[in-house]
Amino acid sequence: MNMKNLGLPLVALTFLLLAGCSTQTVVTLQNGTQYLTKDTPKTKTADGFYEFTDIAGKHVRVKADDVATVRKEN
């Protein structure tokens, strides 16, 4: 078997392994709004905000007082 035949399965396996490494997190606000994030959000910043990127790739910044829960998705 030559290298060309091995390349695609190895690339696919790499992406699957990397996708399994990130842990999705649900950030729920006091008003019930939920954000699904790719990774655990940055904890409260010096100016009192949580910062994270949602699964759509949008950068989100919310006041820490507005956050009800931050939990890992099963």
PDB file of N, CA and C in Angstrom:
ATOM      1  N   MET A   1       0.853  -1.171   0.000  1.00  0.00           N
ATOM      2  CA  MET A   1       0.000   0.000   0.000  1.00  0.00           C
ATOM      3  C   MET A   1       0.901   1.237   0.000  1.00  0.00           C
ATOM      4  N   ASN A   2       0.598   2.170  -0.869  1.00  0.00           N
ATOM      5  CA  ASN A   2       1.470   3.338  -0.932  1.00  0.00           C
ATOM      6  C   ASN A   2       0.959   4.474  -0.051  1.00  0.00           C
ATOM      7  N   MET A   3       1.729   5.527   0.049  1.00  0.00           N
ATOM      8  CA  MET A   3       1.436   6.643   0.946  1.00  0.00           C
ATOM      9  C   MET A   3       0.145   7.378   0.576  1.00  0.00           C
ATOM     10  N   LYS A   4      -0.186   7.444  -0.718  1.00  0.00           N
ATOM     11  CA  LYS A   4      -1.400   8.143  -1.139  1.00  0.00           C
ATOM     12  C   LYS A   4      -2.639   7.457  -0.571  1.00  0.00           C
ATOM     13  N   ASN A   5      -2.622   6.148  -0.492  1.00  0.00           N
ATOM     14  CA  ASN A   5      -3.781   5.407   0.018  1.00  0.00           C
ATOM     15  C   ASN A   5      -3.905   5.533   1.530  1.00  0.00           C
ATOM     16  N   LEU A   6      -2.821   5.789   2.217  1.00  0.00           N
ATOM     17  CA  LEU A   6      -2.855   5.931   3.672  1.00  0.00           C
ATOM     18  C   LEU A   6      -3.168   7.356   4.120  1.00  0.00           C
ATOM     19  N   GLY A   7      -2.920   8.333   3.274  1.00  0.00           N
ATOM     20  CA  GLY A   7      -3.047   9.733   3.652  1.00  0.00           C
ATOM     21  C   GLY A   7      -4.431  10.131   4.109  1.00  0.00           C
ATOM     22  N   LEU A   8      -5.444   9.837   3.334  1.00  0.00           N
ATOM     23  CA  LEU A   8      -6.806  10.254   3.671  1.00  0.00           C
ATOM     24  C   LEU A   8      -7.314   9.609   4.961  1.00  0.00           C
ATOM     25  N   PRO A   9      -7.169   8.300   5.160  1.00  0.00           N
ATOM     26  CA  PRO A   9      -7.626   7.728   6.435  1.00  0.00           C
ATOM     27  C   PRO A   9      -6.881   8.294   7.642  1.00  0.00           C
ATOM     28  N   LEU A  10      -5.597   8.585   7.503  1.00  0.00           N
ATOM     29  CA  LEU A  10      -4.840   9.157   8.612  1.00  0.00           C
ATOM     30  C   LEU A  10      -5.313  10.572   8.940  1.00  0.00           C
ATOM     31  N   VAL A  11      -5.598  11.356   7.928  1.00  0.00           N
ATOM     32  CA  VAL A  11      -6.109  12.717   8.152  1.00  0.00           C
ATOM     33  C   VAL A  11      -7.477  12.647   8.821  1.00  0.00           C
ATOM     34  N   ALA A  12      -8.343  11.768   8.359  1.00  0.00           N
ATOM     35  CA  ALA A  12      -9.682  11.629   8.953  1.00  0.00           C
ATOM     36  C   ALA A  12      -9.580  11.190  10.408  1.00  0.00           C
ATOM     37  N   LEU A  13      -8.716  10.261  10.701  1.00  0.00           N
ATOM     38  CA  LEU A  13      -8.532   9.794  12.072  1.00  0.00           C
ATOM     39  C   LEU A  13      -8.009  10.917  12.971  1.00  0.00           C
ATOM     40  N   THR A  14      -7.106  11.711  12.460  1.00  0.00           N
ATOM     41  CA  THR A  14      -6.571  12.841  13.227  1.00  0.00           C
ATOM     42  C   THR A  14      -7.665  13.830  13.588  1.00  0.00           C
ATOM     43  N   PHE A  15      -8.520  14.177  12.633  1.00  0.00           N
ATOM     44  CA  PHE A  15      -9.612  15.109  12.912  1.00  0.00           C
ATOM     45  C   PHE A  15     -10.578  14.542  13.937  1.00  0.00           C
ATOM     46  N   LEU A  16     -10.869  13.261  13.852  1.00  0.00           N
ATOM     47  CA  LEU A  16     -11.777  12.643  14.818  1.00  0.00           C
ATOM     48  C   LEU A  16     -11.181  12.666  16.219  1.00  0.00           C
ATOM     49  N   LEU A  17      -9.905  12.398  16.328  1.00  0.00           N
ATOM     50  CA  LEU A  17      -9.256  12.425  17.639  1.00  0.00           C
ATOM     51  C   LEU A  17      -9.214  13.833  18.216  1.00  0.00           C
ATOM     52  N   LEU A  18      -8.933  14.814  17.387  1.00  0.00           N
ATOM     53  CA  LEU A  18      -8.901  16.202  17.863  1.00  0.00           C
ATOM     54  C   LEU A  18     -10.284  16.687  18.266  1.00  0.00           C
ATOM     55  N   ALA A  19     -11.299  16.264  17.552  1.00  0.00           N
ATOM     56  CA  ALA A  19     -12.662  16.663  17.893  1.00  0.00           C
ATOM     57  C   ALA A  19     -13.065  16.089  19.244  1.00  0.00           C
ATOM     58  N   GLY A  20     -12.559  14.932  19.576  1.00  0.00           N
ATOM     59  CA  GLY A  20     -12.876  14.314  20.853  1.00  0.00           C
ATOM     60  C   GLY A  20     -12.155  14.952  22.025  1.00  0.00           C
ATOM     61  N   CYS A  21     -11.145  15.749  21.763  1.00  0.00           N
ATOM     62  CA  CYS A  21     -10.369  16.366  22.837  1.00  0.00           C
ATOM     63  C   CYS A  21     -11.060  17.575  23.447  1.00  0.00           C
ATOM     64  N   SER A  22     -11.852  18.285  22.670  1.00  0.00           N
ATOM     65  CA  SER A  22     -12.504  19.468  23.218  1.00  0.00           C
ATOM     66  C   SER A  22     -13.781  19.063  23.944  1.00  0.00           C
ATOM     67  N   THR A  23     -14.067  19.757  25.023  1.00  0.00           N
ATOM     68  CA  THR A  23     -15.250  19.475  25.817  1.00  0.00           C
ATOM     69  C   THR A  23     -16.227  20.621  25.665  1.00  0.00           C
ATOM     70  N   GLN A  24     -17.396  20.334  25.122  1.00  0.00           N
ATOM     71  CA  GLN A  24     -18.395  21.380  24.971  1.00  0.00           C
ATOM     72  C   GLN A  24     -18.969  21.757  26.325  1.00  0.00           C
ATOM     73  N   THR A  25     -19.283  23.023  26.472  1.00  0.00           N
ATOM     74  CA  THR A  25     -19.789  23.562  27.721  1.00  0.00           C
ATOM     75  C   THR A  25     -21.059  24.341  27.444  1.00  0.00           C
ATOM     76  N   VAL A  26     -22.028  24.267  28.358  1.00  0.00           N
ATOM     77  CA  VAL A  26     -23.267  25.032  28.247  1.00  0.00           C
ATOM     78  C   VAL A  26     -23.205  26.175  29.247  1.00  0.00           C
ATOM     79  N   VAL A  27     -23.331  27.401  28.735  1.00  0.00           N
ATOM     80  CA  VAL A  27     -23.382  28.594  29.579  1.00  0.00           C
ATOM     81  C   VAL A  27     -24.838  29.056  29.587  1.00  0.00           C
ATOM     82  N   THR A  28     -25.464  29.048  30.764  1.00  0.00           N
ATOM     83  CA  THR A  28     -26.857  29.451  30.890  1.00  0.00           C
ATOM     84  C   THR A  28     -26.913  30.790  31.613  1.00  0.00           C
ATOM     85  N   LEU A  29     -27.636  31.728  31.019  1.00  0.00           N
ATOM     86  CA  LEU A  29     -27.783  33.047  31.617  1.00  0.00           C
ATOM     87  C   LEU A  29     -28.995  33.081  32.541  1.00  0.00           C
ATOM     88  N   GLN A  30     -29.085  34.113  33.352  1.00  0.00           N
ATOM     89  CA  GLN A  30     -30.200  34.279  34.294  1.00  0.00           C
ATOM     90  C   GLN A  30     -31.544  34.326  33.570  1.00  0.00           C
ATOM     91  N   ASN A  31     -31.570  34.846  32.330  1.00  0.00           N
ATOM     92  CA  ASN A  31     -32.831  34.960  31.585  1.00  0.00           C
ATOM     93  C   ASN A  31     -33.193  33.678  30.826  1.00  0.00           C
ATOM     94  N   GLY A  32     -32.376  32.620  30.984  1.00  0.00           N
ATOM     95  CA  GLY A  32     -32.668  31.339  30.341  1.00  0.00           C
ATOM     96  C   GLY A  32     -31.948  31.111  29.024  1.00  0.00           C
ATOM     97  N   THR A  33     -31.304  32.128  28.488  1.00  0.00           N
ATOM     98  CA  THR A  33     -30.550  31.979  27.249  1.00  0.00           C
ATOM     99  C   THR A  33     -29.395  31.014  27.482  1.00  0.00           C
ATOM    100  N   GLN A  34     -29.199  30.090  26.530  1.00  0.00           N
ATOM    101  CA  GLN A  34     -28.111  29.126  26.643  1.00  0.00           C
ATOM    102  C   GLN A  34     -27.174  29.250  25.458  1.00  0.00           C
ATOM    103  N   TYR A  35     -25.891  29.151  25.742  1.00  0.00           N
ATOM    104  CA  TYR A  35     -24.856  29.138  24.720  1.00  0.00           C
ATOM    105  C   TYR A  35     -24.120  27.830  24.822  1.00  0.00           C
ATOM    106  N   LEU A  36     -23.894  27.172  23.687  1.00  0.00           N
ATOM    107  CA  LEU A  36     -23.087  25.966  23.637  1.00  0.00           C
ATOM    108  C   LEU A  36     -21.718  26.379  23.116  1.00  0.00           C
ATOM    109  N   THR A  37     -20.686  26.132  23.910  1.00  0.00           N
ATOM    110  CA  THR A  37     -19.340  26.554  23.544  1.00  0.00           C
ATOM    111  C   THR A  37     -18.491  25.360  23.157  1.00  0.00           C
ATOM    112  N   LYS A  38     -17.414  25.635  22.437  1.00  0.00           N
ATOM    113  CA  LYS A  38     -16.500  24.574  22.025  1.00  0.00           C
ATOM    114  C   LYS A  38     -15.654  24.090  23.197  1.00  0.00           C
ATOM    115  N   ASP A  39     -15.238  25.007  24.043  1.00  0.00           N
ATOM    116  CA  ASP A  39     -14.402  24.690  25.194  1.00  0.00           C
ATOM    117  C   ASP A  39     -14.911  25.452  26.404  1.00  0.00           C
ATOM    118  N   THR A  40     -14.332  25.186  27.547  1.00  0.00           N
ATOM    119  CA  THR A  40     -14.709  25.895  28.764  1.00  0.00           C
ATOM    120  C   THR A  40     -14.381  27.379  28.594  1.00  0.00           C
ATOM    121  N   PRO A  41     -15.347  28.259  28.903  1.00  0.00           N
ATOM    122  CA  PRO A  41     -15.088  29.692  28.724  1.00  0.00           C
ATOM    123  C   PRO A  41     -14.051  30.211  29.700  1.00  0.00           C
ATOM    124  N   LYS A  42     -13.446  31.338  29.311  1.00  0.00           N
ATOM    125  CA  LYS A  42     -12.531  32.002  30.230  1.00  0.00           C
ATOM    126  C   LYS A  42     -13.321  32.394  31.461  1.00  0.00           C
ATOM    127  N   THR A  43     -12.734  32.193  32.602  1.00  0.00           N
ATOM    128  CA  THR A  43     -13.424  32.602  33.820  1.00  0.00           C
ATOM    129  C   THR A  43     -13.538  34.111  33.845  1.00  0.00           C
ATOM    130  N   LYS A  44     -14.199  34.570  34.832  1.00  0.00           N
ATOM    131  CA  LYS A  44     -14.472  35.995  34.955  1.00  0.00           C
ATOM    132  C   LYS A  44     -13.205  36.827  34.722  1.00  0.00           C
ATOM    133  N   THR A  45     -13.291  37.767  33.790  1.00  0.00           N
ATOM    134  CA  THR A  45     -12.152  38.632  33.501  1.00  0.00           C
ATOM    135  C   THR A  45     -12.069  39.751  34.540  1.00  0.00           C
ATOM    136  N   ALA A  46     -11.014  40.529  34.469  1.00  0.00           N
ATOM    137  CA  ALA A  46     -10.797  41.607  35.437  1.00  0.00           C
ATOM    138  C   ALA A  46     -11.942  42.621  35.428  1.00  0.00           C
ATOM    139  N   ASP A  47     -12.583  42.783  34.262  1.00  0.00           N
ATOM    140  CA  ASP A  47     -13.681  43.749  34.186  1.00  0.00           C
ATOM    141  C   ASP A  47     -15.048  43.110  34.432  1.00  0.00           C
ATOM    142  N   GLY A  48     -15.079  41.841  34.904  1.00  0.00           N
ATOM    143  CA  GLY A  48     -16.327  41.208  35.311  1.00  0.00           C
ATOM    144  C   GLY A  48     -17.138  40.554  34.208  1.00  0.00           C
ATOM    145  N   PHE A  49     -16.497  40.025  33.183  1.00  0.00           N
ATOM    146  CA  PHE A  49     -17.190  39.382  32.068  1.00  0.00           C
ATOM    147  C   PHE A  49     -16.674  37.962  31.854  1.00  0.00           C
ATOM    148  N   TYR A  50     -17.539  37.116  31.299  1.00  0.00           N
ATOM    149  CA  TYR A  50     -17.132  35.815  30.774  1.00  0.00           C
ATOM    150  C   TYR A  50     -16.951  36.001  29.277  1.00  0.00           C
ATOM    151  N   GLU A  51     -15.901  35.388  28.720  1.00  0.00           N
ATOM    152  CA  GLU A  51     -15.655  35.454  27.282  1.00  0.00           C
ATOM    153  C   GLU A  51     -15.502  34.044  26.736  1.00  0.00           C
ATOM    154  N   PHE A  52     -16.178  33.778  25.597  1.00  0.00           N
ATOM    155  CA  PHE A  52     -16.083  32.466  24.968  1.00  0.00           C
ATOM    156  C   PHE A  52     -16.514  32.566  23.520  1.00  0.00           C
ATOM    157  N   THR A  53     -16.254  31.492  22.778  1.00  0.00           N
ATOM    158  CA  THR A  53     -16.692  31.381  21.390  1.00  0.00           C
ATOM    159  C   THR A  53     -17.734  30.282  21.326  1.00  0.00           C
ATOM    160  N   ASP A  54     -18.908  30.600  20.772  1.00  0.00           N
ATOM    161  CA  ASP A  54     -19.952  29.579  20.682  1.00  0.00           C
ATOM    162  C   ASP A  54     -19.656  28.622  19.529  1.00  0.00           C
ATOM    163  N   ILE A  55     -20.494  27.597  19.374  1.00  0.00           N
ATOM    164  CA  ILE A  55     -20.194  26.573  18.362  1.00  0.00           C
ATOM    165  C   ILE A  55     -20.335  27.095  16.938  1.00  0.00           C
ATOM    166  N   ALA A  56     -20.985  28.246  16.763  1.00  0.00           N
ATOM    167  CA  ALA A  56     -21.094  28.852  15.438  1.00  0.00           C
ATOM    168  C   ALA A  56     -19.874  29.707  15.117  1.00  0.00           C
ATOM    169  N   GLY A  57     -18.968  29.860  16.101  1.00  0.00           N
ATOM    170  CA  GLY A  57     -17.766  30.643  15.885  1.00  0.00           C
ATOM    171  C   GLY A  57     -17.890  32.103  16.300  1.00  0.00           C
ATOM    172  N   LYS A  58     -19.011  32.472  16.898  1.00  0.00           N
ATOM    173  CA  LYS A  58     -19.238  33.854  17.320  1.00  0.00           C
ATOM    174  C   LYS A  58     -18.604  34.099  18.688  1.00  0.00           C
ATOM    175  N   HIS A  59     -17.847  35.201  18.800  1.00  0.00           N
ATOM    176  CA  HIS A  59     -17.240  35.578  20.078  1.00  0.00           C
ATOM    177  C   HIS A  59     -18.331  36.205  20.946  1.00  0.00           C
ATOM    178  N   VAL A  60     -18.499  35.671  22.156  1.00  0.00           N
ATOM    179  CA  VAL A  60     -19.547  36.134  23.069  1.00  0.00           C
ATOM    180  C   VAL A  60     -18.889  36.649  24.347  1.00  0.00           C
ATOM    181  N   ARG A  61     -19.427  37.746  24.843  1.00  0.00           N
ATOM    182  CA  ARG A  61     -18.932  38.360  26.085  1.00  0.00           C
ATOM    183  C   ARG A  61     -20.153  38.751  26.901  1.00  0.00           C
ATOM    184  N   VAL A  62     -20.311  38.148  28.089  1.00  0.00           N
ATOM    185  CA  VAL A  62     -21.467  38.438  28.938  1.00  0.00           C
ATOM    186  C   VAL A  62     -21.009  38.805  30.339  1.00  0.00           C
ATOM    187  N   LYS A  63     -21.795  39.663  30.981  1.00  0.00           N
ATOM    188  CA  LYS A  63     -21.483  40.049  32.350  1.00  0.00           C
ATOM    189  C   LYS A  63     -21.562  38.827  33.254  1.00  0.00           C
ATOM    190  N   ALA A  64     -20.624  38.691  34.154  1.00  0.00           N
ATOM    191  CA  ALA A  64     -20.595  37.543  35.064  1.00  0.00           C
ATOM    192  C   ALA A  64     -21.850  37.482  35.920  1.00  0.00           C
ATOM    193  N   ASP A  65     -22.417  38.633  36.264  1.00  0.00           N
ATOM    194  CA  ASP A  65     -23.648  38.660  37.069  1.00  0.00           C
ATOM    195  C   ASP A  65     -24.838  38.071  36.323  1.00  0.00           C
ATOM    196  N   ASP A  66     -24.775  38.059  34.975  1.00  0.00           N
ATOM    197  CA  ASP A  66     -25.869  37.518  34.168  1.00  0.00           C
ATOM    198  C   ASP A  66     -25.782  36.009  33.973  1.00  0.00           C
ATOM    199  N   VAL A  67     -24.661  35.397  34.351  1.00  0.00           N
ATOM    200  CA  VAL A  67     -24.457  33.958  34.161  1.00  0.00           C
ATOM    201  C   VAL A  67     -25.031  33.188  35.353  1.00  0.00           C
ATOM    202  N   ALA A  68     -25.938  32.254  35.052  1.00  0.00           N
ATOM    203  CA  ALA A  68     -26.527  31.414  36.100  1.00  0.00           C
ATOM    204  C   ALA A  68     -25.662  30.177  36.340  1.00  0.00           C
ATOM    205  N   THR A  69     -25.325  29.446  35.262  1.00  0.00           N
ATOM    206  CA  THR A  69     -24.525  28.226  35.398  1.00  0.00           C
ATOM    207  C   THR A  69     -23.563  28.073  34.225  1.00  0.00           C
ATOM    208  N   VAL A  70     -22.477  27.364  34.481  1.00  0.00           N
ATOM    209  CA  VAL A  70     -21.526  26.936  33.457  1.00  0.00           C
ATOM    210  C   VAL A  70     -21.278  25.462  33.741  1.00  0.00           C
ATOM    211  N   ARG A  71     -21.687  24.597  32.794  1.00  0.00           N
ATOM    212  CA  ARG A  71     -21.528  23.160  33.034  1.00  0.00           C
ATOM    213  C   ARG A  71     -21.068  22.458  31.764  1.00  0.00           C
ATOM    214  N   LYS A  72     -20.339  21.372  31.950  1.00  0.00           N
ATOM    215  CA  LYS A  72     -19.861  20.581  30.817  1.00  0.00           C
ATOM    216  C   LYS A  72     -21.020  19.787  30.228  1.00  0.00           C
ATOM    217  N   GLU A  73     -21.064  19.744  28.900  1.00  0.00           N
ATOM    218  CA  GLU A  73     -22.095  19.002  28.177  1.00  0.00           C
ATOM    219  C   GLU A  73     -21.715  17.525  28.164  1.00  0.00           C
ATOM    220  N   ASN A  74     -22.682  16.661  28.363  1.00  0.00           N
ATOM    221  CA  ASN A  74     -22.407  15.214  28.362  1.00  0.00           C
ATOM    222  C   ASN A  74     -22.387  14.672  26.977  1.00  0.00           C
TER     223      ASN A  74
END
